[in-house]
Amino acid sequence: MTGVLFLLATFLSPLVSVVPYEAATPALIVVGFLMMQQVAGIDWDDLELAIPAFLTIVLMPFSYSISVGIGAGFVAYTVIKVVRGKATMVHPLMWLVSVLFVVYFAMTPVKSALGVE
């Protein structure tokens, strides 16, 4: 269903150029407000959950990248579980995604060190 709706939306893509960039600002504020309401559901007393959640929330705006924030949260969650001796509690998919994010984060410094752009 989502794919079909996206296909239908492609015919409306020329309308995007009609709407000024500034018109999206109120919508982004409302989306940010709705996202921040979910912060109340985080158990801030459980550091195994609170630290990755905090890193995710803070790094998104500071890095100007949603993927950096999410990646930091995934990696922090996995590292904290390992350090606390709870590595078996981490789902295999979480391990995979965490490793992929570590590779993603390491690509830029490795390319820079090798002189590759």
C-alpha atoms as a PDB file:
ATOM      1  CA  MET A   1       0.000   0.000   0.000  1.00  0.00           C
ATOM      2  CA  THR A   2       2.798   2.405   0.889  1.00  0.00           C
ATOM      3  CA  GLY A   3       4.547   1.701  -2.402  1.00  0.00           C
ATOM      4  CA  VAL A   4       1.375   2.324  -4.391  1.00  0.00           C
ATOM      5  CA  LEU A   5       0.784   5.609  -2.596  1.00  0.00           C
ATOM      6  CA  PHE A   6       4.379   6.684  -3.246  1.00  0.00           C
ATOM      7  CA  LEU A   7       3.922   5.890  -6.935  1.00  0.00           C
ATOM      8  CA  LEU A   8       0.790   8.018  -6.988  1.00  0.00           C
ATOM      9  CA  ALA A   9       2.624  10.798  -5.148  1.00  0.00           C
ATOM     10  CA  THR A  10       5.325  10.966  -7.832  1.00  0.00           C
ATOM     11  CA  PHE A  11       2.801  12.612 -10.132  1.00  0.00           C
ATOM     12  CA  LEU A  12       2.391  15.365  -7.537  1.00  0.00           C
ATOM     13  CA  SER A  13       6.140  16.025  -7.209  1.00  0.00           C
ATOM     14  CA  PRO A  14       6.074  19.123  -9.465  1.00  0.00           C
ATOM     15  CA  LEU A  15       3.870  20.768  -6.832  1.00  0.00           C
ATOM     16  CA  VAL A  16       6.780  20.665  -4.377  1.00  0.00           C
ATOM     17  CA  SER A  17       8.512  23.451  -6.274  1.00  0.00           C
ATOM     18  CA  VAL A  18       5.401  25.633  -5.864  1.00  0.00           C
ATOM     19  CA  VAL A  19       5.484  25.456  -2.061  1.00  0.00           C
ATOM     20  CA  PRO A  20       8.229  27.643  -0.538  1.00  0.00           C
ATOM     21  CA  TYR A  21      10.766  26.043   1.767  1.00  0.00           C
ATOM     22  CA  GLU A  22       9.634  28.177   4.683  1.00  0.00           C
ATOM     23  CA  ALA A  23       6.165  26.623   4.569  1.00  0.00           C
ATOM     24  CA  ALA A  24       7.594  23.378   5.961  1.00  0.00           C
ATOM     25  CA  THR A  25       8.835  25.018   9.160  1.00  0.00           C
ATOM     26  CA  PRO A  26       5.526  24.916  11.089  1.00  0.00           C
ATOM     27  CA  ALA A  27       5.075  21.253  10.162  1.00  0.00           C
ATOM     28  CA  LEU A  28       8.593  20.442  11.389  1.00  0.00           C
ATOM     29  CA  ILE A  29       7.901  22.210  14.686  1.00  0.00           C
ATOM     30  CA  VAL A  30       4.738  20.155  15.196  1.00  0.00           C
ATOM     31  CA  VAL A  31       6.581  16.930  14.330  1.00  0.00           C
ATOM     32  CA  GLY A  32       9.381  17.830  16.765  1.00  0.00           C
ATOM     33  CA  PHE A  33       6.825  18.583  19.469  1.00  0.00           C
ATOM     34  CA  LEU A  34       5.116  15.227  18.938  1.00  0.00           C
ATOM     35  CA  MET A  35       8.463  13.441  19.043  1.00  0.00           C
ATOM     36  CA  MET A  36       9.451  15.135  22.294  1.00  0.00           C
ATOM     37  CA  GLN A  37       6.232  13.950  23.946  1.00  0.00           C
ATOM     38  CA  GLN A  38       7.607  10.414  23.635  1.00  0.00           C
ATOM     39  CA  VAL A  39      10.631  11.316  25.769  1.00  0.00           C
ATOM     40  CA  ALA A  40       8.405  11.087  28.861  1.00  0.00           C
ATOM     41  CA  GLY A  41       8.082   7.339  28.202  1.00  0.00           C
ATOM     42  CA  ILE A  42      11.834   6.733  28.589  1.00  0.00           C
ATOM     43  CA  ASP A  43      12.888   5.184  31.902  1.00  0.00           C
ATOM     44  CA  TRP A  44      15.582   7.720  32.800  1.00  0.00           C
ATOM     45  CA  ASP A  45      16.547   5.721  35.913  1.00  0.00           C
ATOM     46  CA  ASP A  46      17.708   2.777  33.757  1.00  0.00           C
ATOM     47  CA  LEU A  47      21.083   3.895  32.413  1.00  0.00           C
ATOM     48  CA  GLU A  48      21.195   1.003  29.929  1.00  0.00           C
ATOM     49  CA  LEU A  49      18.249   2.608  28.139  1.00  0.00           C
ATOM     50  CA  ALA A  50      18.649   6.255  29.098  1.00  0.00           C
ATOM     51  CA  ILE A  51      22.184   6.779  27.779  1.00  0.00           C
ATOM     52  CA  PRO A  52      21.478   5.424  24.262  1.00  0.00           C
ATOM     53  CA  ALA A  53      18.197   7.374  24.162  1.00  0.00           C
ATOM     54  CA  PHE A  54      19.975  10.556  25.259  1.00  0.00           C
ATOM     55  CA  LEU A  55      22.720  10.114  22.653  1.00  0.00           C
ATOM     56  CA  THR A  56      20.128   9.513  19.951  1.00  0.00           C
ATOM     57  CA  ILE A  57      18.127  12.598  20.890  1.00  0.00           C
ATOM     58  CA  VAL A  58      21.129  14.908  21.283  1.00  0.00           C
ATOM     59  CA  LEU A  59      23.258  13.801  18.329  1.00  0.00           C
ATOM     60  CA  MET A  60      20.521  14.192  15.727  1.00  0.00           C
ATOM     61  CA  PRO A  61      20.418  18.004  15.892  1.00  0.00           C
ATOM     62  CA  PHE A  62      24.105  18.447  16.779  1.00  0.00           C
ATOM     63  CA  SER A  63      25.314  16.360  13.851  1.00  0.00           C
ATOM     64  CA  TYR A  64      22.553  17.455  11.456  1.00  0.00           C
ATOM     65  CA  SER A  65      22.040  13.771  10.711  1.00  0.00           C
ATOM     66  CA  ILE A  66      19.273  11.433  11.806  1.00  0.00           C
ATOM     67  CA  SER A  67      21.392   8.405  10.904  1.00  0.00           C
ATOM     68  CA  VAL A  68      24.257   9.537  13.152  1.00  0.00           C
ATOM     69  CA  GLY A  69      21.891   9.905  16.106  1.00  0.00           C
ATOM     70  CA  ILE A  70      20.246   6.551  15.539  1.00  0.00           C
ATOM     71  CA  GLY A  71      23.590   4.867  14.933  1.00  0.00           C
ATOM     72  CA  ALA A  72      25.069   6.271  18.133  1.00  0.00           C
ATOM     73  CA  GLY A  73      22.061   4.986  20.054  1.00  0.00           C
ATOM     74  CA  PHE A  74      22.380   1.494  18.579  1.00  0.00           C
ATOM     75  CA  VAL A  75      26.121   1.289  19.198  1.00  0.00           C
ATOM     76  CA  ALA A  76      25.856   2.722  22.725  1.00  0.00           C
ATOM     77  CA  TYR A  77      23.090   0.272  23.652  1.00  0.00           C
ATOM     78  CA  THR A  78      25.145  -2.698  22.450  1.00  0.00           C
ATOM     79  CA  VAL A  79      28.372  -1.499  24.088  1.00  0.00           C
ATOM     80  CA  ILE A  80      26.632  -0.837  27.414  1.00  0.00           C
ATOM     81  CA  LYS A  81      25.063  -4.305  27.403  1.00  0.00           C
ATOM     82  CA  VAL A  82      28.478  -5.886  26.689  1.00  0.00           C
ATOM     83  CA  VAL A  83      30.234  -3.856  29.388  1.00  0.00           C
ATOM     84  CA  ARG A  84      27.558  -4.798  31.920  1.00  0.00           C
ATOM     85  CA  GLY A  85      27.931  -8.510  31.067  1.00  0.00           C
ATOM     86  CA  LYS A  86      24.554  -8.783  29.332  1.00  0.00           C
ATOM     87  CA  ALA A  87      25.764  -9.423  25.789  1.00  0.00           C
ATOM     88  CA  THR A  88      23.454 -12.425  25.441  1.00  0.00           C
ATOM     89  CA  MET A  89      20.455 -10.141  25.939  1.00  0.00           C
ATOM     90  CA  VAL A  90      21.295  -8.225  22.751  1.00  0.00           C
ATOM     91  CA  HIS A  91      19.265  -9.475  19.791  1.00  0.00           C
ATOM     92  CA  PRO A  92      21.325 -10.725  16.810  1.00  0.00           C
ATOM     93  CA  LEU A  93      19.749  -8.081  14.583  1.00  0.00           C
ATOM     94  CA  MET A  94      20.900  -5.393  17.040  1.00  0.00           C
ATOM     95  CA  TRP A  95      24.425  -6.814  16.814  1.00  0.00           C
ATOM     96  CA  LEU A  96      24.287  -6.680  13.018  1.00  0.00           C
ATOM     97  CA  VAL A  97      22.980  -3.122  12.887  1.00  0.00           C
ATOM     98  CA  SER A  98      25.503  -1.976  15.509  1.00  0.00           C
ATOM     99  CA  VAL A  99      28.408  -3.478  13.570  1.00  0.00           C
ATOM    100  CA  LEU A 100      27.155  -1.860  10.365  1.00  0.00           C
ATOM    101  CA  PHE A 101      26.953   1.514  12.111  1.00  0.00           C
ATOM    102  CA  VAL A 102      30.501   1.101  13.458  1.00  0.00           C
ATOM    103  CA  VAL A 103      31.642   0.462   9.885  1.00  0.00           C
ATOM    104  CA  TYR A 104      29.633   3.511   8.746  1.00  0.00           C
ATOM    105  CA  PHE A 105      31.260   5.698  11.411  1.00  0.00           C
ATOM    106  CA  ALA A 106      34.748   4.333  10.649  1.00  0.00           C
ATOM    107  CA  MET A 107      34.550   4.893   6.894  1.00  0.00           C
ATOM    108  CA  THR A 108      35.311   8.615   6.944  1.00  0.00           C
ATOM    109  CA  PRO A 109      38.401   8.448   9.201  1.00  0.00           C
ATOM    110  CA  VAL A 110      39.745   5.421   7.315  1.00  0.00           C
ATOM    111  CA  LYS A 111      39.237   7.128   3.940  1.00  0.00           C
ATOM    112  CA  SER A 112      40.883  10.259   5.290  1.00  0.00           C
ATOM    113  CA  ALA A 113      43.866   8.293   6.621  1.00  0.00           C
ATOM    114  CA  LEU A 114      44.276   6.529   3.290  1.00  0.00           C
ATOM    115  CA  GLY A 115      43.883   9.739   1.313  1.00  0.00           C
ATOM    116  CA  VAL A 116      40.832   8.397  -0.521  1.00  0.00           C
ATOM    117  CA  GLU A 117      37.880  10.660  -1.148  1.00  0.00           C
END
